Amino acid sequence: TRVSIGAAGVAEQTLREIVDFALVHSPVADGSRRATPTKVEVTIA
């Protein structure tokens, strides 16, 4: 994952902590990190 982030007057460590927090709490990032089992069922009526 590549992230580009910046803010005037904000320390680099603070920006890294924001990104780390977002990655840990994001359901999108979570879903892409681990395999999510799927099943397709087809019923012909």
PDB file of N, CA and C in Angstrom:
ATOM      1  N   THR A   1       0.846  -1.175   0.000  1.00  0.00           N
ATOM      2  CA  THR A   1       0.000   0.000   0.000  1.00  0.00           C
ATOM      3  C   THR A   1       0.885   1.230   0.000  1.00  0.00           C
ATOM      4  N   ARG A   2       0.579   2.174  -0.850  1.00  0.00           N
ATOM      5  CA  ARG A   2       1.322   3.439  -0.885  1.00  0.00           C
ATOM      6  C   ARG A   2       0.383   4.555  -0.479  1.00  0.00           C
ATOM      7  N   VAL A   3       0.859   5.395   0.413  1.00  0.00           N
ATOM      8  CA  VAL A   3       0.072   6.528   0.892  1.00  0.00           C
ATOM      9  C   VAL A   3       0.913   7.779   0.756  1.00  0.00           C
ATOM     10  N   SER A   4       0.316   8.831   0.240  1.00  0.00           N
ATOM     11  CA  SER A   4       0.966  10.131   0.181  1.00  0.00           C
ATOM     12  C   SER A   4       0.163  11.061   1.078  1.00  0.00           C
ATOM     13  N   ILE A   5       0.833  11.648   2.063  1.00  0.00           N
ATOM     14  CA  ILE A   5       0.141  12.494   3.029  1.00  0.00           C
ATOM     15  C   ILE A   5       1.057  13.648   3.411  1.00  0.00           C
ATOM     16  N   GLY A   6       0.482  14.774   3.681  1.00  0.00           N
ATOM     17  CA  GLY A   6       1.259  15.927   4.108  1.00  0.00           C
ATOM     18  C   GLY A   6       0.358  16.981   4.709  1.00  0.00           C
ATOM     19  N   ALA A   7       0.910  17.750   5.615  1.00  0.00           N
ATOM     20  CA  ALA A   7       0.182  18.853   6.232  1.00  0.00           C
ATOM     21  C   ALA A   7       1.208  19.831   6.792  1.00  0.00           C
ATOM     22  N   ALA A   8       1.008  21.088   6.505  1.00  0.00           N
ATOM     23  CA  ALA A   8       1.942  22.113   6.974  1.00  0.00           C
ATOM     24  C   ALA A   8       1.991  22.130   8.497  1.00  0.00           C
ATOM     25  N   GLY A   9       3.190  22.086   9.039  1.00  0.00           N
ATOM     26  CA  GLY A   9       3.381  22.200  10.473  1.00  0.00           C
ATOM     27  C   GLY A   9       3.111  20.932  11.263  1.00  0.00           C
ATOM     28  N   VAL A  10       2.875  19.803  10.583  1.00  0.00           N
ATOM     29  CA  VAL A  10       2.605  18.543  11.278  1.00  0.00           C
ATOM     30  C   VAL A  10       3.831  17.647  11.146  1.00  0.00           C
ATOM     31  N   ALA A  11       4.268  17.110  12.270  1.00  0.00           N
ATOM     32  CA  ALA A  11       5.467  16.271  12.287  1.00  0.00           C
ATOM     33  C   ALA A  11       5.264  14.988  11.484  1.00  0.00           C
ATOM     34  N   GLU A  12       6.346  14.512  10.874  1.00  0.00           N
ATOM     35  CA  GLU A  12       6.299  13.278  10.082  1.00  0.00           C
ATOM     36  C   GLU A  12       5.768  12.113  10.914  1.00  0.00           C
ATOM     37  N   GLN A  13       6.204  11.996  12.154  1.00  0.00           N
ATOM     38  CA  GLN A  13       5.752  10.897  13.020  1.00  0.00           C
ATOM     39  C   GLN A  13       4.242  10.953  13.234  1.00  0.00           C
ATOM     40  N   THR A  14       3.696  12.132  13.396  1.00  0.00           N
ATOM     41  CA  THR A  14       2.248  12.287  13.571  1.00  0.00           C
ATOM     42  C   THR A  14       1.505  11.825  12.325  1.00  0.00           C
ATOM     43  N   LEU A  15       2.006  12.189  11.156  1.00  0.00           N
ATOM     44  CA  LEU A  15       1.379  11.763   9.908  1.00  0.00           C
ATOM     45  C   LEU A  15       1.438  10.246   9.761  1.00  0.00           C
ATOM     46  N   ARG A  16       2.559   9.646  10.134  1.00  0.00           N
ATOM     47  CA  ARG A  16       2.674   8.186  10.070  1.00  0.00           C
ATOM     48  C   ARG A  16       1.685   7.525  11.030  1.00  0.00           C
ATOM     49  N   GLU A  17       1.502   8.102  12.201  1.00  0.00           N
ATOM     50  CA  GLU A  17       0.553   7.558  13.172  1.00  0.00           C
ATOM     51  C   GLU A  17      -0.882   7.646  12.647  1.00  0.00           C
ATOM     52  N   ILE A  18      -1.204   8.712  11.952  1.00  0.00           N
ATOM     53  CA  ILE A  18      -2.541   8.859  11.360  1.00  0.00           C
ATOM     54  C   ILE A  18      -2.778   7.760  10.324  1.00  0.00           C
ATOM     55  N   VAL A  19      -1.792   7.524   9.477  1.00  0.00           N
ATOM     56  CA  VAL A  19      -1.921   6.481   8.453  1.00  0.00           C
ATOM     57  C   VAL A  19      -2.040   5.110   9.111  1.00  0.00           C
ATOM     58  N   ASP A  20      -1.211   4.829  10.107  1.00  0.00           N
ATOM     59  CA  ASP A  20      -1.278   3.543  10.807  1.00  0.00           C
ATOM     60  C   ASP A  20      -2.656   3.329  11.425  1.00  0.00           C
ATOM     61  N   PHE A  21      -3.193   4.359  12.061  1.00  0.00           N
ATOM     62  CA  PHE A  21      -4.522   4.271  12.675  1.00  0.00           C
ATOM     63  C   PHE A  21      -5.577   3.961  11.614  1.00  0.00           C
ATOM     64  N   ALA A  22      -5.504   4.664  10.499  1.00  0.00           N
ATOM     65  CA  ALA A  22      -6.488   4.470   9.431  1.00  0.00           C
ATOM     66  C   ALA A  22      -6.427   3.050   8.879  1.00  0.00           C
ATOM     67  N   LEU A  23      -5.232   2.523   8.686  1.00  0.00           N
ATOM     68  CA  LEU A  23      -5.099   1.171   8.150  1.00  0.00           C
ATOM     69  C   LEU A  23      -5.635   0.119   9.114  1.00  0.00           C
ATOM     70  N   VAL A  24      -5.424   0.316  10.392  1.00  0.00           N
ATOM     71  CA  VAL A  24      -5.898  -0.646  11.390  1.00  0.00           C
ATOM     72  C   VAL A  24      -7.420  -0.613  11.514  1.00  0.00           C
ATOM     73  N   HIS A  25      -8.033   0.544  11.338  1.00  0.00           N
ATOM     74  CA  HIS A  25      -9.470   0.700  11.566  1.00  0.00           C
ATOM     75  C   HIS A  25     -10.318   0.698  10.298  1.00  0.00           C
ATOM     76  N   SER A  26      -9.713   0.565   9.141  1.00  0.00           N
ATOM     77  CA  SER A  26     -10.447   0.625   7.880  1.00  0.00           C
ATOM     78  C   SER A  26     -10.986  -0.749   7.483  1.00  0.00           C
ATOM     79  N   PRO A  27     -12.305  -0.881   7.294  1.00  0.00           N
ATOM     80  CA  PRO A  27     -12.838  -2.167   6.837  1.00  0.00           C
ATOM     81  C   PRO A  27     -12.393  -2.495   5.410  1.00  0.00           C
ATOM     82  N   VAL A  28     -12.134  -1.495   4.615  1.00  0.00           N
ATOM     83  CA  VAL A  28     -11.670  -1.736   3.245  1.00  0.00           C
ATOM     84  C   VAL A  28     -10.264  -2.332   3.276  1.00  0.00           C
ATOM     85  N   ALA A  29      -9.389  -1.747   4.055  1.00  0.00           N
ATOM     86  CA  ALA A  29      -8.024  -2.271   4.165  1.00  0.00           C
ATOM     87  C   ALA A  29      -8.044  -3.676   4.758  1.00  0.00           C
ATOM     88  N   ASP A  30      -8.900  -3.905   5.741  1.00  0.00           N
ATOM     89  CA  ASP A  30      -9.004  -5.221   6.364  1.00  0.00           C
ATOM     90  C   ASP A  30      -9.429  -6.273   5.348  1.00  0.00           C
ATOM     91  N   GLY A  31     -10.418  -5.951   4.551  1.00  0.00           N
ATOM     92  CA  GLY A  31     -10.905  -6.896   3.552  1.00  0.00           C
ATOM     93  C   GLY A  31      -9.881  -7.227   2.489  1.00  0.00           C
ATOM     94  N   SER A  32      -9.031  -6.277   2.168  1.00  0.00           N
ATOM     95  CA  SER A  32      -8.021  -6.538   1.140  1.00  0.00           C
ATOM     96  C   SER A  32      -6.796  -7.253   1.704  1.00  0.00           C
ATOM     97  N   ARG A  33      -6.599  -7.204   3.019  1.00  0.00           N
ATOM     98  CA  ARG A  33      -5.454  -7.869   3.642  1.00  0.00           C
ATOM     99  C   ARG A  33      -5.681  -9.359   3.832  1.00  0.00           C
ATOM    100  N   ARG A  34      -6.894  -9.761   4.041  1.00  0.00           N
ATOM    101  CA  ARG A  34      -7.156 -11.172   4.324  1.00  0.00           C
ATOM    102  C   ARG A  34      -8.121 -11.742   3.291  1.00  0.00           C
ATOM    103  N   ALA A  35      -7.999 -13.014   3.109  1.00  0.00           N
ATOM    104  CA  ALA A  35      -8.894 -13.678   2.157  1.00  0.00           C
ATOM    105  C   ALA A  35     -10.298 -13.739   2.750  1.00  0.00           C
ATOM    106  N   THR A  36     -11.261 -13.370   1.959  1.00  0.00           N
ATOM    107  CA  THR A  36     -12.649 -13.433   2.385  1.00  0.00           C
ATOM    108  C   THR A  36     -13.324 -14.548   1.595  1.00  0.00           C
ATOM    109  N   PRO A  37     -13.728 -15.609   2.301  1.00  0.00           N
ATOM    110  CA  PRO A  37     -14.356 -16.710   1.582  1.00  0.00           C
ATOM    111  C   PRO A  37     -15.656 -16.267   0.913  1.00  0.00           C
ATOM    112  N   THR A  38     -15.861 -16.740  -0.280  1.00  0.00           N
ATOM    113  CA  THR A  38     -17.102 -16.439  -0.982  1.00  0.00           C
ATOM    114  C   THR A  38     -17.687 -17.726  -1.521  1.00  0.00           C
ATOM    115  N   LYS A  39     -18.965 -17.697  -1.732  1.00  0.00           N
ATOM    116  CA  LYS A  39     -19.659 -18.857  -2.264  1.00  0.00           C
ATOM    117  C   LYS A  39     -20.727 -18.355  -3.216  1.00  0.00           C
ATOM    118  N   VAL A  40     -20.812 -18.965  -4.373  1.00  0.00           N
ATOM    119  CA  VAL A  40     -21.835 -18.597  -5.344  1.00  0.00           C
ATOM    120  C   VAL A  40     -22.799 -19.768  -5.463  1.00  0.00           C
ATOM    121  N   GLU A  41     -24.058 -19.491  -5.252  1.00  0.00           N
ATOM    122  CA  GLU A  41     -25.089 -20.508  -5.425  1.00  0.00           C
ATOM    123  C   GLU A  41     -26.002 -20.079  -6.560  1.00  0.00           C
ATOM    124  N   VAL A  42     -26.254 -20.986  -7.481  1.00  0.00           N
ATOM    125  CA  VAL A  42     -27.122 -20.695  -8.616  1.00  0.00           C
ATOM    126  C   VAL A  42     -28.320 -21.628  -8.539  1.00  0.00           C
ATOM    127  N   THR A  43     -29.501 -21.046  -8.582  1.00  0.00           N
ATOM    128  CA  THR A  43     -30.730 -21.825  -8.627  1.00  0.00           C
ATOM    129  C   THR A  43     -31.418 -21.528  -9.945  1.00  0.00           C
ATOM    130  N   ILE A  44     -31.695 -22.572 -10.696  1.00  0.00           N
ATOM    131  CA  ILE A  44     -32.405 -22.421 -11.960  1.00  0.00           C
ATOM    132  C   ILE A  44     -33.881 -22.672 -11.680  1.00  0.00           C
ATOM    133  N   ALA A  45     -34.700 -21.675 -11.943  1.00  0.00           N
ATOM    134  CA  ALA A  45     -36.132 -21.799 -11.642  1.00  0.00           C
ATOM    135  C   ALA A  45     -36.913 -22.158 -12.876  1.00  0.00           C
TER     136      ALA A  45
END
